[in-house]
Amino acid sequence: MTFEFTEDQNKIFLQFVMRILLLAFSSFLAGTMLITLSLSNSFELETFGFGIGLFVLGATFIAPLKHIQNIILTSGSDIDELITGMEKMNKFFFATIAVFWLLAIMAFIRFIIVLIENF
């Protein structure tokens, strides 16, 4: 399907890309800090897991950026690039959701263990 976004719409895509890059960089940075923290004294599985989760989240945001960049830089295939980028992001979202559910279950189990030990 041939479709071309307007120059103003391309500017909106560019703003979107810049914000996503900032969010992805922040996720990678926070993930690095959490992983380093978890390994610094004694291994903390929850902190390490959340660090990995933030890395997966950052990768989720990075996944479609090449296709969004192609929307801005190329012509004639904007809809195809948009759909391909969305498909890629959907796959990463599934992984992100799975990781965060596992972390939530681990945190809940840890919470129950702490409650049992303290009462």
PDB file of N, CA and C in Angstrom:
ATOM      1  N   MET A   1       0.854  -1.172   0.000  1.00  0.00           N
ATOM      2  CA  MET A   1       0.000   0.000   0.000  1.00  0.00           C
ATOM      3  C   MET A   1       0.903   1.239   0.000  1.00  0.00           C
ATOM      4  N   THR A   2       0.649   2.140  -0.916  1.00  0.00           N
ATOM      5  CA  THR A   2       1.442   3.361  -1.020  1.00  0.00           C
ATOM      6  C   THR A   2       0.708   4.502  -0.326  1.00  0.00           C
ATOM      7  N   PHE A   3       1.397   5.081   0.638  1.00  0.00           N
ATOM      8  CA  PHE A   3       0.859   6.229   1.368  1.00  0.00           C
ATOM      9  C   PHE A   3       2.033   7.020   1.900  1.00  0.00           C
ATOM     10  N   GLU A   4       1.898   8.312   1.907  1.00  0.00           N
ATOM     11  CA  GLU A   4       2.970   9.172   2.418  1.00  0.00           C
ATOM     12  C   GLU A   4       2.393  10.151   3.434  1.00  0.00           C
ATOM     13  N   PHE A   5       2.991  10.169   4.617  1.00  0.00           N
ATOM     14  CA  PHE A   5       2.586  11.140   5.618  1.00  0.00           C
ATOM     15  C   PHE A   5       3.071  12.525   5.212  1.00  0.00           C
ATOM     16  N   THR A   6       2.391  13.536   5.699  1.00  0.00           N
ATOM     17  CA  THR A   6       2.776  14.914   5.384  1.00  0.00           C
ATOM     18  C   THR A   6       4.017  15.300   6.179  1.00  0.00           C
ATOM     19  N   GLU A   7       4.609  16.428   5.843  1.00  0.00           N
ATOM     20  CA  GLU A   7       5.793  16.923   6.551  1.00  0.00           C
ATOM     21  C   GLU A   7       5.479  17.169   8.028  1.00  0.00           C
ATOM     22  N   ASP A   8       4.310  17.728   8.319  1.00  0.00           N
ATOM     23  CA  ASP A   8       3.913  17.965   9.721  1.00  0.00           C
ATOM     24  C   ASP A   8       3.750  16.641  10.470  1.00  0.00           C
ATOM     25  N   GLN A   9       3.183  15.648   9.825  1.00  0.00           N
ATOM     26  CA  GLN A   9       3.034  14.333  10.459  1.00  0.00           C
ATOM     27  C   GLN A   9       4.400  13.693  10.688  1.00  0.00           C
ATOM     28  N   ASN A  10       5.323  13.878   9.750  1.00  0.00           N
ATOM     29  CA  ASN A  10       6.679  13.360   9.942  1.00  0.00           C
ATOM     30  C   ASN A  10       7.371  14.025  11.129  1.00  0.00           C
ATOM     31  N   LYS A  11       7.096  15.314  11.354  1.00  0.00           N
ATOM     32  CA  LYS A  11       7.660  16.001  12.521  1.00  0.00           C
ATOM     33  C   LYS A  11       7.128  15.392  13.815  1.00  0.00           C
ATOM     34  N   ILE A  12       5.858  15.002  13.808  1.00  0.00           N
ATOM     35  CA  ILE A  12       5.273  14.348  14.986  1.00  0.00           C
ATOM     36  C   ILE A  12       5.952  12.998  15.220  1.00  0.00           C
ATOM     37  N   PHE A  13       6.193  12.249  14.145  1.00  0.00           N
ATOM     38  CA  PHE A  13       6.920  10.980  14.275  1.00  0.00           C
ATOM     39  C   PHE A  13       8.320  11.214  14.829  1.00  0.00           C
ATOM     40  N   LEU A  14       8.995  12.262  14.387  1.00  0.00           N
ATOM     41  CA  LEU A  14      10.335  12.576  14.876  1.00  0.00           C
ATOM     42  C   LEU A  14      10.305  12.904  16.369  1.00  0.00           C
ATOM     43  N   GLN A  15       9.319  13.679  16.814  1.00  0.00           N
ATOM     44  CA  GLN A  15       9.179  13.973  18.242  1.00  0.00           C
ATOM     45  C   GLN A  15       8.936  12.689  19.031  1.00  0.00           C
ATOM     46  N   PHE A  16       8.123  11.805  18.469  1.00  0.00           N
ATOM     47  CA  PHE A  16       7.843  10.518  19.096  1.00  0.00           C
ATOM     48  C   PHE A  16       9.128   9.703  19.242  1.00  0.00           C
ATOM     49  N   VAL A  17       9.934   9.647  18.183  1.00  0.00           N
ATOM     50  CA  VAL A  17      11.196   8.910  18.210  1.00  0.00           C
ATOM     51  C   VAL A  17      12.119   9.469  19.288  1.00  0.00           C
ATOM     52  N   MET A  18      12.220  10.775  19.386  1.00  0.00           N
ATOM     53  CA  MET A  18      13.100  11.386  20.384  1.00  0.00           C
ATOM     54  C   MET A  18      12.641  11.042  21.803  1.00  0.00           C
ATOM     55  N   ARG A  19      11.354  11.068  22.045  1.00  0.00           N
ATOM     56  CA  ARG A  19      10.843  10.735  23.386  1.00  0.00           C
ATOM     57  C   ARG A  19      11.048   9.257  23.703  1.00  0.00           C
ATOM     58  N   ILE A  20      10.833   8.410  22.708  1.00  0.00           N
ATOM     59  CA  ILE A  20      11.045   6.979  22.909  1.00  0.00           C
ATOM     60  C   ILE A  20      12.521   6.688  23.190  1.00  0.00           C
ATOM     61  N   LEU A  21      13.412   7.359  22.470  1.00  0.00           N
ATOM     62  CA  LEU A  21      14.846   7.175  22.732  1.00  0.00           C
ATOM     63  C   LEU A  21      15.211   7.595  24.147  1.00  0.00           C
ATOM     64  N   LEU A  22      14.651   8.690  24.614  1.00  0.00           N
ATOM     65  CA  LEU A  22      14.904   9.145  25.982  1.00  0.00           C
ATOM     66  C   LEU A  22      14.391   8.124  26.997  1.00  0.00           C
ATOM     67  N   LEU A  23      13.205   7.607  26.760  1.00  0.00           N
ATOM     68  CA  LEU A  23      12.629   6.609  27.654  1.00  0.00           C
ATOM     69  C   LEU A  23      13.454   5.320  27.633  1.00  0.00           C
ATOM     70  N   ALA A  24      13.860   4.877  26.445  1.00  0.00           N
ATOM     71  CA  ALA A  24      14.667   3.658  26.342  1.00  0.00           C
ATOM     72  C   ALA A  24      16.013   3.848  27.038  1.00  0.00           C
ATOM     73  N   PHE A  25      16.667   4.987  26.806  1.00  0.00           N
ATOM     74  CA  PHE A  25      17.948   5.268  27.469  1.00  0.00           C
ATOM     75  C   PHE A  25      17.768   5.267  28.987  1.00  0.00           C
ATOM     76  N   SER A  26      16.702   5.884  29.470  1.00  0.00           N
ATOM     77  CA  SER A  26      16.435   5.914  30.912  1.00  0.00           C
ATOM     78  C   SER A  26      16.226   4.507  31.456  1.00  0.00           C
ATOM     79  N   SER A  27      15.511   3.674  30.709  1.00  0.00           N
ATOM     80  CA  SER A  27      15.284   2.288  31.136  1.00  0.00           C
ATOM     81  C   SER A  27      16.593   1.513  31.192  1.00  0.00           C
ATOM     82  N   PHE A  28      17.437   1.671  30.160  1.00  0.00           N
ATOM     83  CA  PHE A  28      18.727   0.981  30.160  1.00  0.00           C
ATOM     84  C   PHE A  28      19.605   1.462  31.316  1.00  0.00           C
ATOM     85  N   LEU A  29      19.615   2.771  31.571  1.00  0.00           N
ATOM     86  CA  LEU A  29      20.427   3.330  32.651  1.00  0.00           C
ATOM     87  C   LEU A  29      19.949   2.828  34.013  1.00  0.00           C
ATOM     88  N   ALA A  30      18.646   2.890  34.248  1.00  0.00           N
ATOM     89  CA  ALA A  30      18.097   2.412  35.523  1.00  0.00           C
ATOM     90  C   ALA A  30      18.330   0.910  35.678  1.00  0.00           C
ATOM     91  N   GLY A  31      18.177   0.162  34.587  1.00  0.00           N
ATOM     92  CA  GLY A  31      18.432  -1.278  34.629  1.00  0.00           C
ATOM     93  C   GLY A  31      19.875  -1.581  34.984  1.00  0.00           C
ATOM     94  N   THR A  32      20.799  -0.832  34.401  1.00  0.00           N
ATOM     95  CA  THR A  32      22.225  -1.007  34.705  1.00  0.00           C
ATOM     96  C   THR A  32      22.504  -0.717  36.172  1.00  0.00           C
ATOM     97  N   MET A  33      21.920   0.350  36.684  1.00  0.00           N
ATOM     98  CA  MET A  33      22.136   0.698  38.094  1.00  0.00           C
ATOM     99  C   MET A  33      21.565  -0.379  39.013  1.00  0.00           C
ATOM    100  N   LEU A  34      20.386  -0.907  38.699  1.00  0.00           N
ATOM    101  CA  LEU A  34      19.787  -1.941  39.548  1.00  0.00           C
ATOM    102  C   LEU A  34      20.587  -3.239  39.504  1.00  0.00           C
ATOM    103  N   ILE A  35      21.043  -3.617  38.320  1.00  0.00           N
ATOM    104  CA  ILE A  35      21.855  -4.837  38.218  1.00  0.00           C
ATOM    105  C   ILE A  35      23.163  -4.673  38.986  1.00  0.00           C
ATOM    106  N   THR A  36      23.813  -3.521  38.846  1.00  0.00           N
ATOM    107  CA  THR A  36      25.048  -3.250  39.580  1.00  0.00           C
ATOM    108  C   THR A  36      24.789  -3.270  41.085  1.00  0.00           C
ATOM    109  N   LEU A  37      23.705  -2.663  41.516  1.00  0.00           N
ATOM    110  CA  LEU A  37      23.340  -2.654  42.934  1.00  0.00           C
ATOM    111  C   LEU A  37      23.097  -4.070  43.445  1.00  0.00           C
ATOM    112  N   SER A  38      22.420  -4.878  42.637  1.00  0.00           N
ATOM    113  CA  SER A  38      22.107  -6.242  43.086  1.00  0.00           C
ATOM    114  C   SER A  38      23.363  -7.099  43.211  1.00  0.00           C
ATOM    115  N   LEU A  39      24.395  -6.772  42.463  1.00  0.00           N
ATOM    116  CA  LEU A  39      25.625  -7.566  42.499  1.00  0.00           C
ATOM    117  C   LEU A  39      26.686  -6.990  43.432  1.00  0.00           C
ATOM    118  N   SER A  40      26.472  -5.780  43.945  1.00  0.00           N
ATOM    119  CA  SER A  40      27.510  -5.094  44.710  1.00  0.00           C
ATOM    120  C   SER A  40      27.816  -5.749  46.051  1.00  0.00           C
ATOM    121  N   ASN A  41      26.822  -6.025  46.863  1.00  0.00           N
ATOM    122  CA  ASN A  41      27.073  -6.609  48.185  1.00  0.00           C
ATOM    123  C   ASN A  41      26.765  -8.097  48.177  1.00  0.00           C
ATOM    124  N   SER A  42      25.530  -8.403  48.243  1.00  0.00           N
ATOM    125  CA  SER A  42      25.098  -9.795  48.141  1.00  0.00           C
ATOM    126  C   SER A  42      24.028  -9.840  47.057  1.00  0.00           C
ATOM    127  N   PHE A  43      23.982 -10.921  46.348  1.00  0.00           N
ATOM    128  CA  PHE A  43      23.070 -11.022  45.217  1.00  0.00           C
ATOM    129  C   PHE A  43      21.629 -10.889  45.686  1.00  0.00           C
ATOM    130  N   GLU A  44      20.904  -9.946  45.099  1.00  0.00           N
ATOM    131  CA  GLU A  44      19.489  -9.736  45.404  1.00  0.00           C
ATOM    132  C   GLU A  44      18.697 -10.047  44.139  1.00  0.00           C
ATOM    133  N   LEU A  45      17.986 -11.161  44.159  1.00  0.00           N
ATOM    134  CA  LEU A  45      17.276 -11.632  42.973  1.00  0.00           C
ATOM    135  C   LEU A  45      16.225 -10.634  42.489  1.00  0.00           C
ATOM    136  N   GLU A  46      15.476 -10.042  43.415  1.00  0.00           N
ATOM    137  CA  GLU A  46      14.417  -9.108  43.016  1.00  0.00           C
ATOM    138  C   GLU A  46      14.990  -7.877  42.317  1.00  0.00           C
ATOM    139  N   THR A  47      16.048  -7.310  42.904  1.00  0.00           N
ATOM    140  CA  THR A  47      16.669  -6.128  42.306  1.00  0.00           C
ATOM    141  C   THR A  47      17.277  -6.467  40.955  1.00  0.00           C
ATOM    142  N   PHE A  48      17.932  -7.610  40.869  1.00  0.00           N
ATOM    143  CA  PHE A  48      18.505  -8.061  39.603  1.00  0.00           C
ATOM    144  C   PHE A  48      17.396  -8.261  38.567  1.00  0.00           C
ATOM    145  N   GLY A  49      16.308  -8.883  38.989  1.00  0.00           N
ATOM    146  CA  GLY A  49      15.174  -9.131  38.085  1.00  0.00           C
ATOM    147  C   GLY A  49      14.561  -7.844  37.561  1.00  0.00           C
ATOM    148  N   PHE A  50      14.396  -6.868  38.430  1.00  0.00           N
ATOM    149  CA  PHE A  50      13.841  -5.589  37.976  1.00  0.00           C
ATOM    150  C   PHE A  50      14.810  -4.872  37.035  1.00  0.00           C
ATOM    151  N   GLY A  51      16.111  -5.030  37.259  1.00  0.00           N
ATOM    152  CA  GLY A  51      17.094  -4.472  36.336  1.00  0.00           C
ATOM    153  C   GLY A  51      16.959  -5.103  34.956  1.00  0.00           C
ATOM    154  N   ILE A  52      16.828  -6.422  34.918  1.00  0.00           N
ATOM    155  CA  ILE A  52      16.624  -7.123  33.644  1.00  0.00           C
ATOM    156  C   ILE A  52      15.309  -6.675  33.013  1.00  0.00           C
ATOM    157  N   GLY A  53      14.281  -6.531  33.844  1.00  0.00           N
ATOM    158  CA  GLY A  53      12.986  -6.065  33.341  1.00  0.00           C
ATOM    159  C   GLY A  53      13.078  -4.704  32.676  1.00  0.00           C
ATOM    160  N   LEU A  54      13.869  -3.806  33.261  1.00  0.00           N
ATOM    161  CA  LEU A  54      14.039  -2.482  32.654  1.00  0.00           C
ATOM    162  C   LEU A  54      14.813  -2.565  31.345  1.00  0.00           C
ATOM    163  N   PHE A  55      15.763  -3.500  31.265  1.00  0.00           N
ATOM    164  CA  PHE A  55      16.457  -3.699  29.986  1.00  0.00           C
ATOM    165  C   PHE A  55      15.483  -4.191  28.913  1.00  0.00           C
ATOM    166  N   VAL A  56      14.622  -5.135  29.265  1.00  0.00           N
ATOM    167  CA  VAL A  56      13.634  -5.647  28.307  1.00  0.00           C
ATOM    168  C   VAL A  56      12.679  -4.527  27.893  1.00  0.00           C
ATOM    169  N   LEU A  57      12.294  -3.693  28.845  1.00  0.00           N
ATOM    170  CA  LEU A  57      11.416  -2.563  28.532  1.00  0.00           C
ATOM    171  C   LEU A  57      12.104  -1.595  27.564  1.00  0.00           C
ATOM    172  N   GLY A  58      13.377  -1.315  27.805  1.00  0.00           N
ATOM    173  CA  GLY A  58      14.125  -0.452  26.891  1.00  0.00           C
ATOM    174  C   GLY A  58      14.185  -1.041  25.497  1.00  0.00           C
ATOM    175  N   ALA A  59      14.411  -2.357  25.408  1.00  0.00           N
ATOM    176  CA  ALA A  59      14.450  -3.024  24.100  1.00  0.00           C
ATOM    177  C   ALA A  59      13.093  -2.962  23.414  1.00  0.00           C
ATOM    178  N   THR A  60      12.020  -3.007  24.199  1.00  0.00           N
ATOM    179  CA  THR A  60      10.673  -2.905  23.636  1.00  0.00           C
ATOM    180  C   THR A  60      10.486  -1.570  22.933  1.00  0.00           C
ATOM    181  N   PHE A  61      11.015  -0.515  23.529  1.00  0.00           N
ATOM    182  CA  PHE A  61      10.864   0.808  22.927  1.00  0.00           C
ATOM    183  C   PHE A  61      11.796   1.021  21.738  1.00  0.00           C
ATOM    184  N   ILE A  62      12.943   0.364  21.749  1.00  0.00           N
ATOM    185  CA  ILE A  62      13.900   0.514  20.652  1.00  0.00           C
ATOM    186  C   ILE A  62      13.449  -0.262  19.408  1.00  0.00           C
ATOM    187  N   ALA A  63      12.753  -1.377  19.610  1.00  0.00           N
ATOM    188  CA  ALA A  63      12.416  -2.299  18.514  1.00  0.00           C
ATOM    189  C   ALA A  63      11.808  -1.635  17.272  1.00  0.00           C
ATOM    190  N   PRO A  64      10.811  -0.762  17.398  1.00  0.00           N
ATOM    191  CA  PRO A  64      10.181  -0.230  16.185  1.00  0.00           C
ATOM    192  C   PRO A  64      10.843   1.027  15.630  1.00  0.00           C
ATOM    193  N   LEU A  65      11.899   1.527  16.256  1.00  0.00           N
ATOM    194  CA  LEU A  65      12.423   2.841  15.880  1.00  0.00           C
ATOM    195  C   LEU A  65      12.986   2.899  14.460  1.00  0.00           C
ATOM    196  N   LYS A  66      13.581   1.818  13.989  1.00  0.00           N
ATOM    197  CA  LYS A  66      14.113   1.825  12.622  1.00  0.00           C
ATOM    198  C   LYS A  66      12.975   2.032  11.621  1.00  0.00           C
ATOM    199  N   HIS A  67      11.850   1.404  11.883  1.00  0.00           N
ATOM    200  CA  HIS A  67      10.706   1.529  10.974  1.00  0.00           C
ATOM    201  C   HIS A  67      10.090   2.928  11.051  1.00  0.00           C
ATOM    202  N   ILE A  68      10.054   3.487  12.245  1.00  0.00           N
ATOM    203  CA  ILE A  68       9.539   4.851  12.375  1.00  0.00           C
ATOM    204  C   ILE A  68      10.496   5.832  11.709  1.00  0.00           C
ATOM    205  N   GLN A  69      11.789   5.585  11.828  1.00  0.00           N
ATOM    206  CA  GLN A  69      12.776   6.421  11.144  1.00  0.00           C
ATOM    207  C   GLN A  69      12.575   6.327   9.632  1.00  0.00           C
ATOM    208  N   ASN A  70      12.279   5.138   9.136  1.00  0.00           N
ATOM    209  CA  ASN A  70      12.035   4.971   7.702  1.00  0.00           C
ATOM    210  C   ASN A  70      10.795   5.728   7.243  1.00  0.00           C
ATOM    211  N   ILE A  71       9.803   5.871   8.119  1.00  0.00           N
ATOM    212  CA  ILE A  71       8.618   6.670   7.784  1.00  0.00           C
ATOM    213  C   ILE A  71       9.045   8.101   7.485  1.00  0.00           C
ATOM    214  N   ILE A  72       9.962   8.603   8.303  1.00  0.00           N
ATOM    215  CA  ILE A  72      10.404   9.990   8.161  1.00  0.00           C
ATOM    216  C   ILE A  72      11.319  10.157   6.946  1.00  0.00           C
ATOM    217  N   LEU A  73      12.218   9.202   6.724  1.00  0.00           N
ATOM    218  CA  LEU A  73      13.280   9.380   5.735  1.00  0.00           C
ATOM    219  C   LEU A  73      12.961   8.862   4.334  1.00  0.00           C
ATOM    220  N   THR A  74      12.053   7.903   4.220  1.00  0.00           N
ATOM    221  CA  THR A  74      11.766   7.325   2.905  1.00  0.00           C
ATOM    222  C   THR A  74      10.379   7.752   2.446  1.00  0.00           C
ATOM    223  N   SER A  75      10.064   7.417   1.222  1.00  0.00           N
ATOM    224  CA  SER A  75       8.736   7.754   0.706  1.00  0.00           C
ATOM    225  C   SER A  75       8.129   6.545   0.010  1.00  0.00           C
ATOM    226  N   GLY A  76       6.803   6.478   0.070  1.00  0.00           N
ATOM    227  CA  GLY A  76       6.071   5.446  -0.638  1.00  0.00           C
ATOM    228  C   GLY A  76       5.714   4.213   0.160  1.00  0.00           C
ATOM    229  N   SER A  77       6.275   4.056   1.366  1.00  0.00           N
ATOM    230  CA  SER A  77       5.993   2.839   2.135  1.00  0.00           C
ATOM    231  C   SER A  77       5.694   3.147   3.598  1.00  0.00           C
ATOM    232  N   ASP A  78       5.139   4.320   3.862  1.00  0.00           N
ATOM    233  CA  ASP A  78       4.929   4.740   5.253  1.00  0.00           C
ATOM    234  C   ASP A  78       4.023   3.786   6.030  1.00  0.00           C
ATOM    235  N   ILE A  79       2.915   3.358   5.436  1.00  0.00           N
ATOM    236  CA  ILE A  79       1.987   2.472   6.146  1.00  0.00           C
ATOM    237  C   ILE A  79       2.645   1.115   6.402  1.00  0.00           C
ATOM    238  N   ASP A  80       3.355   0.580   5.413  1.00  0.00           N
ATOM    239  CA  ASP A  80       4.047  -0.697   5.605  1.00  0.00           C
ATOM    240  C   ASP A  80       5.070  -0.603   6.736  1.00  0.00           C
ATOM    241  N   GLU A  81       5.828   0.484   6.777  1.00  0.00           N
ATOM    242  CA  GLU A  81       6.817   0.673   7.847  1.00  0.00           C
ATOM    243  C   GLU A  81       6.134   0.798   9.202  1.00  0.00           C
ATOM    244  N   LEU A  82       5.026   1.509   9.257  1.00  0.00           N
ATOM    245  CA  LEU A  82       4.292   1.686  10.505  1.00  0.00           C
ATOM    246  C   LEU A  82       3.776   0.344  11.023  1.00  0.00           C
ATOM    247  N   ILE A  83       3.174  -0.439  10.140  1.00  0.00           N
ATOM    248  CA  ILE A  83       2.631  -1.740  10.544  1.00  0.00           C
ATOM    249  C   ILE A  83       3.754  -2.687  10.976  1.00  0.00           C
ATOM    250  N   THR A  84       4.859  -2.717  10.232  1.00  0.00           N
ATOM    251  CA  THR A  84       5.989  -3.574  10.595  1.00  0.00           C
ATOM    252  C   THR A  84       6.554  -3.184  11.953  1.00  0.00           C
ATOM    253  N   GLY A  85       6.695  -1.888  12.196  1.00  0.00           N
ATOM    254  CA  GLY A  85       7.173  -1.416  13.490  1.00  0.00           C
ATOM    255  C   GLY A  85       6.238  -1.796  14.629  1.00  0.00           C
ATOM    256  N   MET A  86       4.947  -1.686  14.378  1.00  0.00           N
ATOM    257  CA  MET A  86       3.967  -2.055  15.410  1.00  0.00           C
ATOM    258  C   MET A  86       4.003  -3.556  15.689  1.00  0.00           C
ATOM    259  N   GLU A  87       4.154  -4.367  14.648  1.00  0.00           N
ATOM    260  CA  GLU A  87       4.249  -5.814  14.846  1.00  0.00           C
ATOM    261  C   GLU A  87       5.469  -6.170  15.692  1.00  0.00           C
ATOM    262  N   LYS A  88       6.580  -5.541  15.400  1.00  0.00           N
ATOM    263  CA  LYS A  88       7.811  -5.792  16.157  1.00  0.00           C
ATOM    264  C   LYS A  88       7.627  -5.380  17.621  1.00  0.00           C
ATOM    265  N   MET A  89       7.024  -4.222  17.834  1.00  0.00           N
ATOM    266  CA  MET A  89       6.808  -3.732  19.196  1.00  0.00           C
ATOM    267  C   MET A  89       5.850  -4.646  19.954  1.00  0.00           C
ATOM    268  N   ASN A  90       4.834  -5.171  19.283  1.00  0.00           N
ATOM    269  CA  ASN A  90       3.894  -6.093  19.933  1.00  0.00           C
ATOM    270  C   ASN A  90       4.603  -7.338  20.447  1.00  0.00           C
ATOM    271  N   LYS A  91       5.549  -7.870  19.678  1.00  0.00           N
ATOM    272  CA  LYS A  91       6.302  -9.048  20.126  1.00  0.00           C
ATOM    273  C   LYS A  91       7.102  -8.718  21.381  1.00  0.00           C
ATOM    274  N   PHE A  92       7.748  -7.575  21.395  1.00  0.00           N
ATOM    275  CA  PHE A  92       8.526  -7.179  22.564  1.00  0.00           C
ATOM    276  C   PHE A  92       7.624  -6.883  23.759  1.00  0.00           C
ATOM    277  N   PHE A  93       6.437  -6.326  23.517  1.00  0.00           N
ATOM    278  CA  PHE A  93       5.517  -6.075  24.623  1.00  0.00           C
ATOM    279  C   PHE A  93       5.118  -7.375  25.300  1.00  0.00           C
ATOM    280  N   PHE A  94       4.930  -8.431  24.529  1.00  0.00           N
ATOM    281  CA  PHE A  94       4.595  -9.722  25.122  1.00  0.00           C
ATOM    282  C   PHE A  94       5.706 -10.176  26.056  1.00  0.00           C
ATOM    283  N   ALA A  95       6.958 -10.053  25.606  1.00  0.00           N
ATOM    284  CA  ALA A  95       8.097 -10.432  26.453  1.00  0.00           C
ATOM    285  C   ALA A  95       8.163  -9.554  27.700  1.00  0.00           C
ATOM    286  N   THR A  96       7.928  -8.263  27.527  1.00  0.00           N
ATOM    287  CA  THR A  96       7.964  -7.333  28.662  1.00  0.00           C
ATOM    288  C   THR A  96       6.892  -7.679  29.685  1.00  0.00           C
ATOM    289  N   ILE A  97       5.701  -7.954  29.209  1.00  0.00           N
ATOM    290  CA  ILE A  97       4.602  -8.322  30.112  1.00  0.00           C
ATOM    291  C   ILE A  97       4.943  -9.600  30.860  1.00  0.00           C
ATOM    292  N   ALA A  98       5.492 -10.584  30.161  1.00  0.00           N
ATOM    293  CA  ALA A  98       5.859 -11.847  30.807  1.00  0.00           C
ATOM    294  C   ALA A  98       6.914 -11.627  31.890  1.00  0.00           C
ATOM    295  N   VAL A  99       7.936 -10.825  31.595  1.00  0.00           N
ATOM    296  CA  VAL A  99       8.992 -10.558  32.574  1.00  0.00           C
ATOM    297  C   VAL A  99       8.417  -9.855  33.800  1.00  0.00           C
ATOM    298  N   PHE A 100       7.589  -8.845  33.592  1.00  0.00           N
ATOM    299  CA  PHE A 100       7.057  -8.112  34.740  1.00  0.00           C
ATOM    300  C   PHE A 100       6.057  -8.938  35.546  1.00  0.00           C
ATOM    301  N   TRP A 101       5.331  -9.849  34.911  1.00  0.00           N
ATOM    302  CA  TRP A 101       4.457 -10.751  35.674  1.00  0.00           C
ATOM    303  C   TRP A 101       5.300 -11.695  36.538  1.00  0.00           C
ATOM    304  N   LEU A 102       6.383 -12.208  35.973  1.00  0.00           N
ATOM    305  CA  LEU A 102       7.257 -13.063  36.769  1.00  0.00           C
ATOM    306  C   LEU A 102       7.840 -12.297  37.951  1.00  0.00           C
ATOM    307  N   LEU A 103       8.233 -11.049  37.709  1.00  0.00           N
ATOM    308  CA  LEU A 103       8.767 -10.228  38.804  1.00  0.00           C
ATOM    309  C   LEU A 103       7.703  -9.946  39.859  1.00  0.00           C
ATOM    310  N   ALA A 104       6.483  -9.702  39.423  1.00  0.00           N
ATOM    311  CA  ALA A 104       5.391  -9.450  40.373  1.00  0.00           C
ATOM    312  C   ALA A 104       5.122 -10.695  41.208  1.00  0.00           C
ATOM    313  N   ILE A 105       5.151 -11.849  40.594  1.00  0.00           N
ATOM    314  CA  ILE A 105       4.943 -13.102  41.338  1.00  0.00           C
ATOM    315  C   ILE A 105       6.078 -13.316  42.333  1.00  0.00           C
ATOM    316  N   MET A 106       7.326 -13.068  41.908  1.00  0.00           N
ATOM    317  CA  MET A 106       8.466 -13.202  42.820  1.00  0.00           C
ATOM    318  C   MET A 106       8.344 -12.232  43.992  1.00  0.00           C
ATOM    319  N   ALA A 107       7.954 -10.998  43.711  1.00  0.00           N
ATOM    320  CA  ALA A 107       7.808 -10.007  44.782  1.00  0.00           C
ATOM    321  C   ALA A 107       6.703 -10.409  45.742  1.00  0.00           C
ATOM    322  N   PHE A 108       5.607 -10.949  45.221  1.00  0.00           N
ATOM    323  CA  PHE A 108       4.500 -11.386  46.070  1.00  0.00           C
ATOM    324  C   PHE A 108       4.938 -12.540  46.968  1.00  0.00           C
ATOM    325  N   ILE A 109       5.655 -13.497  46.394  1.00  0.00           N
ATOM    326  CA  ILE A 109       6.150 -14.628  47.194  1.00  0.00           C
ATOM    327  C   ILE A 109       7.098 -14.128  48.278  1.00  0.00           C
ATOM    328  N   ARG A 110       7.979 -13.225  47.917  1.00  0.00           N
ATOM    329  CA  ARG A 110       8.906 -12.636  48.903  1.00  0.00           C
ATOM    330  C   ARG A 110       8.142 -11.916  50.006  1.00  0.00           C
ATOM    331  N   PHE A 111       7.107 -11.185  49.639  1.00  0.00           N
ATOM    332  CA  PHE A 111       6.267 -10.468  50.600  1.00  0.00           C
ATOM    333  C   PHE A 111       5.621 -11.447  51.579  1.00  0.00           C
ATOM    334  N   ILE A 112       5.078 -12.542  51.063  1.00  0.00           N
ATOM    335  CA  ILE A 112       4.439 -13.548  51.923  1.00  0.00           C
ATOM    336  C   ILE A 112       5.476 -14.168  52.867  1.00  0.00           C
ATOM    337  N   ILE A 113       6.664 -14.470  52.361  1.00  0.00           N
ATOM    338  CA  ILE A 113       7.712 -15.058  53.210  1.00  0.00           C
ATOM    339  C   ILE A 113       8.091 -14.097  54.329  1.00  0.00           C
ATOM    340  N   VAL A 114       8.232 -12.808  54.020  1.00  0.00           N
ATOM    341  CA  VAL A 114       8.573 -11.820  55.041  1.00  0.00           C
ATOM    342  C   VAL A 114       7.452 -11.717  56.073  1.00  0.00           C
ATOM    343  N   LEU A 115       6.207 -11.738  55.627  1.00  0.00           N
ATOM    344  CA  LEU A 115       5.077 -11.703  56.572  1.00  0.00           C
ATOM    345  C   LEU A 115       5.101 -12.904  57.503  1.00  0.00           C
ATOM    346  N   ILE A 116       5.330 -14.081  56.959  1.00  0.00           N
ATOM    347  CA  ILE A 116       5.347 -15.299  57.766  1.00  0.00           C
ATOM    348  C   ILE A 116       6.503 -15.265  58.761  1.00  0.00           C
ATOM    349  N   GLU A 117       7.658 -14.796  58.324  1.00  0.00           N
ATOM    350  CA  GLU A 117       8.823 -14.741  59.225  1.00  0.00           C
ATOM    351  C   GLU A 117       8.651 -13.737  60.359  1.00  0.00           C
ATOM    352  N   ASN A 118       7.903 -12.675  60.111  1.00  0.00           N
ATOM    353  CA  ASN A 118       7.747 -11.618  61.121  1.00  0.00           C
ATOM    354  C   ASN A 118       6.534 -11.797  62.022  1.00  0.00           C
ATOM    355  N   PHE A 119       5.696 -12.755  61.735  1.00  0.00           N
ATOM    356  CA  PHE A 119       4.500 -12.951  62.591  1.00  0.00           C
ATOM    357  C   PHE A 119       4.407 -14.326  63.125  1.00  0.00           C
TER     358      PHE A 119
END
